[in-house]
Amino acid sequence: MIRVLVVDDHEGVRAGLASLLDAAADLVVVGTGADGRAALVQAEALRPDVITLDVAMPGMDGLQTAELLRRRHPHGRVIMLSASVPGRSVRRARAAGAVGYVCKGSDPEELMTAVRVTASGGQWWCEQAVAVLRLSS
């Protein structure tokens, strides 16, 4: 069973993502949070395998949170979620230690695949993020 922590500042998005992931037989949402501080506290307490983080959150954004999670909880694999794929955010996400980037508007199956792939040690970057990373190389 893959343990997932879902962090997004929009309650409806957070609930929808948690419901989607929890419905899969091999995934269990162990917690949710509304901001970066909640992500750090919950990661410490729950030790999830995968943490989905919204890029844009008030206070400590997802990119700052990913960097702190990498240092404090290297066991948790971070997937960034965003409504858009600006190049700067993708590059910062990779530098912060994220192992995936998924657009919120993508097919729900893509997020579940990303969780499974990253939990098993791989990386999952949506097509737009891969294009940004190729241009950066």
N, C-alpha and C. Protein backbone atom coordinates (compact mmCIF):
# COMPACT_ATOMS: atom_id res chain seq x y z
N MET A 1 0.84 -1.18 0.00
CA MET A 1 0.00 0.00 0.00
C MET A 1 0.89 1.25 0.00
N ILE A 2 0.64 2.15 -0.92
CA ILE A 2 1.41 3.39 -1.02
C ILE A 2 0.70 4.46 -0.20
N ARG A 3 1.43 5.03 0.74
CA ARG A 3 0.90 6.04 1.66
C ARG A 3 1.13 7.44 1.07
N VAL A 4 0.04 8.22 0.95
CA VAL A 4 0.11 9.52 0.28
C VAL A 4 -0.37 10.64 1.21
N LEU A 5 0.34 11.75 1.18
CA LEU A 5 -0.06 12.98 1.86
C LEU A 5 -0.41 13.99 0.77
N VAL A 6 -1.60 14.59 0.85
CA VAL A 6 -2.08 15.54 -0.15
C VAL A 6 -2.09 16.94 0.47
N VAL A 7 -1.37 17.89 -0.17
CA VAL A 7 -1.29 19.25 0.36
C VAL A 7 -1.67 20.24 -0.73
N ASP A 8 -2.74 20.99 -0.47
CA ASP A 8 -3.23 22.01 -1.39
C ASP A 8 -4.03 23.02 -0.58
N ASP A 9 -3.87 24.30 -0.87
CA ASP A 9 -4.56 25.32 -0.09
C ASP A 9 -6.04 25.44 -0.42
N HIS A 10 -6.50 24.89 -1.52
CA HIS A 10 -7.92 24.93 -1.89
C HIS A 10 -8.60 23.67 -1.38
N GLU A 11 -9.53 23.87 -0.47
CA GLU A 11 -10.19 22.74 0.18
C GLU A 11 -10.84 21.77 -0.80
N GLY A 12 -11.53 22.29 -1.80
CA GLY A 12 -12.20 21.43 -2.77
C GLY A 12 -11.22 20.60 -3.59
N VAL A 13 -10.12 21.22 -4.00
CA VAL A 13 -9.08 20.50 -4.75
C VAL A 13 -8.47 19.42 -3.86
N ARG A 14 -8.14 19.81 -2.65
CA ARG A 14 -7.54 18.86 -1.69
C ARG A 14 -8.45 17.66 -1.47
N ALA A 15 -9.73 17.92 -1.24
CA ALA A 15 -10.69 16.84 -0.99
C ALA A 15 -10.85 15.96 -2.24
N GLY A 16 -10.91 16.60 -3.40
CA GLY A 16 -11.05 15.84 -4.65
C GLY A 16 -9.85 14.94 -4.92
N LEU A 17 -8.66 15.49 -4.72
CA LEU A 17 -7.44 14.69 -4.93
C LEU A 17 -7.39 13.53 -3.94
N ALA A 18 -7.70 13.81 -2.69
CA ALA A 18 -7.67 12.76 -1.67
C ALA A 18 -8.67 11.66 -2.00
N SER A 19 -9.86 12.05 -2.43
CA SER A 19 -10.89 11.07 -2.78
C SER A 19 -10.46 10.22 -3.97
N LEU A 20 -9.91 10.87 -4.99
CA LEU A 20 -9.44 10.16 -6.18
C LEU A 20 -8.37 9.14 -5.81
N LEU A 21 -7.37 9.57 -5.07
CA LEU A 21 -6.26 8.67 -4.71
C LEU A 21 -6.71 7.56 -3.78
N ASP A 22 -7.55 7.90 -2.82
CA ASP A 22 -8.02 6.91 -1.84
C ASP A 22 -8.87 5.82 -2.49
N ALA A 23 -9.47 6.12 -3.63
CA ALA A 23 -10.32 5.13 -4.30
C ALA A 23 -9.52 4.01 -4.96
N ALA A 24 -8.24 4.24 -5.19
CA ALA A 24 -7.39 3.22 -5.81
C ALA A 24 -7.04 2.14 -4.78
N ALA A 25 -7.06 0.90 -5.20
CA ALA A 25 -6.84 -0.22 -4.28
C ALA A 25 -5.45 -0.22 -3.65
N ASP A 26 -4.46 0.32 -4.36
CA ASP A 26 -3.08 0.25 -3.86
C ASP A 26 -2.59 1.56 -3.24
N LEU A 27 -3.47 2.57 -3.12
CA LEU A 27 -3.10 3.86 -2.56
C LEU A 27 -3.96 4.16 -1.34
N VAL A 28 -3.36 4.80 -0.34
CA VAL A 28 -4.13 5.25 0.81
C VAL A 28 -3.66 6.66 1.19
N VAL A 29 -4.61 7.58 1.30
CA VAL A 29 -4.28 8.93 1.73
C VAL A 29 -4.23 8.92 3.25
N VAL A 30 -3.04 9.15 3.78
CA VAL A 30 -2.84 9.11 5.23
C VAL A 30 -3.07 10.46 5.88
N GLY A 31 -3.11 11.51 5.07
CA GLY A 31 -3.34 12.84 5.62
C GLY A 31 -3.47 13.87 4.53
N THR A 32 -3.99 15.04 4.92
CA THR A 32 -4.09 16.18 4.02
C THR A 32 -3.66 17.43 4.76
N GLY A 33 -3.26 18.43 4.02
CA GLY A 33 -2.88 19.69 4.62
C GLY A 33 -3.15 20.84 3.69
N ALA A 34 -3.26 22.04 4.26
CA ALA A 34 -3.61 23.23 3.49
C ALA A 34 -2.42 24.13 3.17
N ASP A 35 -1.24 23.83 3.73
CA ASP A 35 -0.10 24.70 3.48
C ASP A 35 1.21 23.97 3.77
N GLY A 36 2.31 24.67 3.50
CA GLY A 36 3.63 24.07 3.67
C GLY A 36 3.93 23.65 5.09
N ARG A 37 3.54 24.45 6.04
CA ARG A 37 3.80 24.08 7.45
C ARG A 37 3.07 22.80 7.82
N ALA A 38 1.84 22.66 7.38
CA ALA A 38 1.08 21.44 7.64
C ALA A 38 1.77 20.25 6.98
N ALA A 39 2.31 20.46 5.79
CA ALA A 39 3.01 19.37 5.10
C ALA A 39 4.20 18.88 5.92
N LEU A 40 4.96 19.81 6.47
CA LEU A 40 6.14 19.43 7.26
C LEU A 40 5.73 18.66 8.52
N VAL A 41 4.72 19.15 9.21
CA VAL A 41 4.25 18.49 10.43
C VAL A 41 3.70 17.10 10.11
N GLN A 42 2.87 17.03 9.09
CA GLN A 42 2.24 15.75 8.74
C GLN A 42 3.27 14.75 8.20
N ALA A 43 4.24 15.21 7.45
CA ALA A 43 5.27 14.30 6.94
C ALA A 43 6.05 13.68 8.10
N GLU A 44 6.32 14.48 9.10
CA GLU A 44 7.04 13.98 10.28
C GLU A 44 6.20 12.94 11.02
N ALA A 45 4.92 13.23 11.21
CA ALA A 45 4.06 12.35 11.99
C ALA A 45 3.63 11.10 11.22
N LEU A 46 3.36 11.25 9.92
CA LEU A 46 2.75 10.17 9.15
C LEU A 46 3.71 9.38 8.27
N ARG A 47 4.85 9.97 7.96
CA ARG A 47 5.88 9.33 7.13
C ARG A 47 5.30 8.74 5.84
N PRO A 48 4.67 9.59 5.02
CA PRO A 48 4.09 9.09 3.76
C PRO A 48 5.18 8.69 2.76
N ASP A 49 4.81 7.84 1.84
CA ASP A 49 5.74 7.45 0.76
C ASP A 49 5.82 8.55 -0.29
N VAL A 50 4.67 9.20 -0.56
CA VAL A 50 4.58 10.23 -1.58
C VAL A 50 3.81 11.42 -1.01
N ILE A 51 4.29 12.62 -1.34
CA ILE A 51 3.65 13.86 -0.91
C ILE A 51 3.33 14.67 -2.16
N THR A 52 2.04 14.97 -2.36
CA THR A 52 1.67 15.84 -3.47
C THR A 52 1.57 17.25 -2.92
N LEU A 53 2.24 18.19 -3.57
CA LEU A 53 2.28 19.58 -3.11
C LEU A 53 1.82 20.53 -4.20
N ASP A 54 0.89 21.39 -3.86
CA ASP A 54 0.51 22.47 -4.75
C ASP A 54 1.69 23.43 -4.85
N VAL A 55 2.01 23.87 -6.04
CA VAL A 55 3.13 24.81 -6.21
C VAL A 55 2.82 26.14 -5.54
N ALA A 56 1.62 26.67 -5.78
CA ALA A 56 1.27 28.01 -5.29
C ALA A 56 0.38 27.92 -4.06
N MET A 57 0.97 28.15 -2.90
CA MET A 57 0.23 28.20 -1.64
C MET A 57 0.65 29.44 -0.90
N PRO A 58 -0.24 30.01 -0.10
CA PRO A 58 0.13 31.20 0.68
C PRO A 58 1.17 30.85 1.75
N GLY A 59 1.92 31.84 2.14
CA GLY A 59 2.96 31.60 3.15
C GLY A 59 4.12 30.88 2.49
N MET A 60 4.39 29.68 2.94
CA MET A 60 5.46 28.87 2.37
C MET A 60 4.91 28.12 1.16
N ASP A 61 5.40 28.45 -0.03
CA ASP A 61 4.86 27.80 -1.23
C ASP A 61 5.36 26.35 -1.34
N GLY A 62 4.83 25.65 -2.32
CA GLY A 62 5.19 24.25 -2.50
C GLY A 62 6.65 24.02 -2.81
N LEU A 63 7.27 24.96 -3.52
CA LEU A 63 8.68 24.80 -3.87
C LEU A 63 9.58 24.91 -2.64
N GLN A 64 9.28 25.88 -1.78
CA GLN A 64 10.03 26.00 -0.52
C GLN A 64 9.80 24.77 0.35
N THR A 65 8.57 24.32 0.39
CA THR A 65 8.22 23.16 1.19
C THR A 65 8.94 21.91 0.69
N ALA A 66 9.01 21.74 -0.63
CA ALA A 66 9.70 20.58 -1.21
C ALA A 66 11.16 20.54 -0.78
N GLU A 67 11.79 21.70 -0.79
CA GLU A 67 13.20 21.75 -0.39
C GLU A 67 13.38 21.36 1.08
N LEU A 68 12.51 21.84 1.94
CA LEU A 68 12.59 21.48 3.36
C LEU A 68 12.27 20.00 3.57
N LEU A 69 11.30 19.49 2.85
CA LEU A 69 10.97 18.07 2.96
C LEU A 69 12.13 17.19 2.54
N ARG A 70 12.82 17.60 1.48
CA ARG A 70 13.97 16.82 1.01
C ARG A 70 15.03 16.69 2.11
N ARG A 71 15.24 17.77 2.85
CA ARG A 71 16.25 17.75 3.92
C ARG A 71 15.76 17.03 5.17
N ARG A 72 14.51 17.28 5.55
CA ARG A 72 13.98 16.75 6.81
C ARG A 72 13.36 15.36 6.70
N HIS A 73 12.83 15.05 5.53
CA HIS A 73 12.11 13.79 5.34
C HIS A 73 12.44 13.20 3.97
N PRO A 74 13.68 12.81 3.78
CA PRO A 74 14.08 12.33 2.45
C PRO A 74 13.36 11.06 2.00
N HIS A 75 12.68 10.40 2.92
CA HIS A 75 11.92 9.19 2.56
C HIS A 75 10.68 9.52 1.73
N GLY A 76 10.16 10.73 1.86
CA GLY A 76 8.94 11.12 1.14
C GLY A 76 9.27 11.63 -0.24
N ARG A 77 8.68 11.05 -1.26
CA ARG A 77 8.89 11.45 -2.65
C ARG A 77 7.89 12.54 -2.99
N VAL A 78 8.35 13.68 -3.48
CA VAL A 78 7.49 14.84 -3.70
C VAL A 78 7.09 14.98 -5.16
N ILE A 79 5.77 15.13 -5.37
CA ILE A 79 5.21 15.44 -6.69
C ILE A 79 4.58 16.82 -6.58
N MET A 80 4.99 17.72 -7.46
CA MET A 80 4.41 19.06 -7.49
C MET A 80 3.15 19.03 -8.36
N LEU A 81 2.13 19.78 -7.93
CA LEU A 81 0.89 19.92 -8.69
C LEU A 81 0.68 21.40 -9.00
N SER A 82 0.31 21.69 -10.23
CA SER A 82 0.11 23.08 -10.59
C SER A 82 -0.92 23.20 -11.71
N ALA A 83 -1.59 24.33 -11.73
CA ALA A 83 -2.55 24.60 -12.79
C ALA A 83 -1.83 24.95 -14.09
N SER A 84 -0.57 25.37 -13.98
CA SER A 84 0.21 25.72 -15.17
C SER A 84 1.63 25.17 -15.02
N VAL A 85 2.40 25.29 -16.07
CA VAL A 85 3.75 24.74 -16.06
C VAL A 85 4.77 25.80 -16.48
N PRO A 86 4.94 26.84 -15.66
CA PRO A 86 5.97 27.83 -16.01
C PRO A 86 7.36 27.22 -15.85
N GLY A 87 8.23 27.54 -16.79
CA GLY A 87 9.57 26.96 -16.79
C GLY A 87 10.31 27.15 -15.49
N ARG A 88 10.21 28.34 -14.92
CA ARG A 88 10.94 28.61 -13.68
C ARG A 88 10.50 27.67 -12.56
N SER A 89 9.20 27.42 -12.43
CA SER A 89 8.69 26.54 -11.38
C SER A 89 9.16 25.10 -11.58
N VAL A 90 9.17 24.65 -12.82
CA VAL A 90 9.62 23.28 -13.10
C VAL A 90 11.09 23.11 -12.73
N ARG A 91 11.91 24.06 -13.13
CA ARG A 91 13.34 23.97 -12.81
C ARG A 91 13.57 24.06 -11.31
N ARG A 92 12.84 24.96 -10.65
CA ARG A 92 12.96 25.07 -9.18
C ARG A 92 12.48 23.81 -8.48
N ALA A 93 11.43 23.19 -9.01
CA ALA A 93 10.91 21.96 -8.41
C ALA A 93 11.95 20.86 -8.46
N ARG A 94 12.59 20.71 -9.60
CA ARG A 94 13.62 19.68 -9.72
C ARG A 94 14.79 19.99 -8.79
N ALA A 95 15.21 21.24 -8.75
CA ALA A 95 16.32 21.63 -7.87
C ALA A 95 15.98 21.44 -6.40
N ALA A 96 14.70 21.58 -6.06
CA ALA A 96 14.26 21.43 -4.66
C ALA A 96 14.14 19.97 -4.25
N GLY A 97 14.24 19.06 -5.21
CA GLY A 97 14.18 17.65 -4.88
C GLY A 97 12.88 16.95 -5.27
N ALA A 98 11.98 17.66 -5.95
CA ALA A 98 10.77 17.00 -6.42
C ALA A 98 11.13 15.94 -7.45
N VAL A 99 10.35 14.87 -7.48
CA VAL A 99 10.59 13.80 -8.45
C VAL A 99 9.44 13.70 -9.46
N GLY A 100 8.56 14.70 -9.41
CA GLY A 100 7.46 14.71 -10.35
C GLY A 100 6.78 16.05 -10.41
N TYR A 101 6.05 16.27 -11.51
CA TYR A 101 5.31 17.50 -11.73
C TYR A 101 4.10 17.14 -12.58
N VAL A 102 2.91 17.40 -12.06
CA VAL A 102 1.67 17.03 -12.74
C VAL A 102 0.76 18.26 -12.82
N CYS A 103 0.17 18.48 -13.99
CA CYS A 103 -0.79 19.57 -14.15
C CYS A 103 -2.11 19.15 -13.53
N LYS A 104 -2.73 20.08 -12.80
CA LYS A 104 -4.02 19.79 -12.18
C LYS A 104 -5.10 19.46 -13.21
N GLY A 105 -4.98 19.98 -14.40
CA GLY A 105 -5.99 19.73 -15.43
C GLY A 105 -5.79 18.43 -16.20
N SER A 106 -4.76 17.67 -15.86
CA SER A 106 -4.50 16.44 -16.61
C SER A 106 -5.47 15.33 -16.21
N ASP A 107 -5.47 14.27 -16.96
CA ASP A 107 -6.32 13.12 -16.69
C ASP A 107 -6.01 12.60 -15.28
N PRO A 108 -7.04 12.30 -14.49
CA PRO A 108 -6.81 11.81 -13.12
C PRO A 108 -5.90 10.59 -13.06
N GLU A 109 -5.94 9.77 -14.10
CA GLU A 109 -5.09 8.57 -14.12
C GLU A 109 -3.60 8.95 -14.11
N GLU A 110 -3.27 10.12 -14.68
CA GLU A 110 -1.87 10.54 -14.70
C GLU A 110 -1.35 10.76 -13.28
N LEU A 111 -2.14 11.35 -12.42
CA LEU A 111 -1.71 11.55 -11.05
C LEU A 111 -1.50 10.22 -10.34
N MET A 112 -2.41 9.30 -10.52
CA MET A 112 -2.25 7.98 -9.88
C MET A 112 -1.00 7.27 -10.40
N THR A 113 -0.75 7.38 -11.69
CA THR A 113 0.45 6.78 -12.27
C THR A 113 1.70 7.45 -11.70
N ALA A 114 1.66 8.78 -11.60
CA ALA A 114 2.80 9.51 -11.04
C ALA A 114 3.09 9.06 -9.61
N VAL A 115 2.06 8.87 -8.82
CA VAL A 115 2.25 8.42 -7.43
C VAL A 115 2.89 7.03 -7.42
N ARG A 116 2.39 6.15 -8.23
CA ARG A 116 2.94 4.78 -8.27
C ARG A 116 4.39 4.76 -8.75
N VAL A 117 4.67 5.49 -9.80
CA VAL A 117 6.03 5.51 -10.37
C VAL A 117 7.02 6.11 -9.38
N THR A 118 6.65 7.23 -8.78
CA THR A 118 7.59 7.88 -7.85
C THR A 118 7.76 7.08 -6.57
N ALA A 119 6.71 6.42 -6.12
CA ALA A 119 6.82 5.60 -4.91
C ALA A 119 7.78 4.44 -5.12
N SER A 120 7.88 3.97 -6.36
CA SER A 120 8.79 2.86 -6.64
C SER A 120 10.20 3.33 -7.01
N GLY A 121 10.46 4.64 -6.84
CA GLY A 121 11.81 5.15 -7.06
C GLY A 121 12.01 5.90 -8.36
N GLY A 122 10.99 5.95 -9.21
CA GLY A 122 11.12 6.64 -10.48
C GLY A 122 10.74 8.10 -10.40
N GLN A 123 10.66 8.72 -11.56
CA GLN A 123 10.24 10.11 -11.66
C GLN A 123 9.11 10.21 -12.66
N TRP A 124 8.22 11.20 -12.48
CA TRP A 124 7.11 11.41 -13.40
C TRP A 124 6.94 12.90 -13.62
N TRP A 125 7.25 13.34 -14.83
CA TRP A 125 7.12 14.75 -15.20
C TRP A 125 6.14 14.82 -16.37
N CYS A 126 5.11 15.65 -16.24
CA CYS A 126 4.13 15.79 -17.32
C CYS A 126 4.86 16.24 -18.59
N GLU A 127 4.20 16.08 -19.73
CA GLU A 127 4.83 16.41 -21.02
C GLU A 127 5.36 17.84 -21.07
N GLN A 128 4.58 18.79 -20.55
CA GLN A 128 5.00 20.19 -20.58
C GLN A 128 6.26 20.38 -19.73
N ALA A 129 6.33 19.72 -18.59
CA ALA A 129 7.51 19.84 -17.72
C ALA A 129 8.73 19.20 -18.37
N VAL A 130 8.53 18.08 -19.03
CA VAL A 130 9.65 17.43 -19.73
C VAL A 130 10.19 18.37 -20.81
N ALA A 131 9.32 19.05 -21.53
CA ALA A 131 9.76 19.99 -22.56
C ALA A 131 10.59 21.11 -21.96
N VAL A 132 10.17 21.62 -20.81
CA VAL A 132 10.92 22.68 -20.12
C VAL A 132 12.30 22.16 -19.71
N LEU A 133 12.33 20.97 -19.15
CA LEU A 133 13.61 20.42 -18.69
C LEU A 133 14.55 20.12 -19.84
N ARG A 134 14.01 19.71 -20.98
CA ARG A 134 14.86 19.46 -22.16
C ARG A 134 15.50 20.78 -22.63
N LEU A 135 14.72 21.85 -22.61
CA LEU A 135 15.23 23.14 -23.05
C LEU A 135 16.29 23.66 -22.09
N SER A 136 16.22 23.24 -20.83
CA SER A 136 17.16 23.71 -19.81
C SER A 136 18.47 22.95 -19.85
N SER A 137 18.49 21.80 -20.50
CA SER A 137 19.69 20.96 -20.49
C SER A 137 20.75 21.47 -21.40
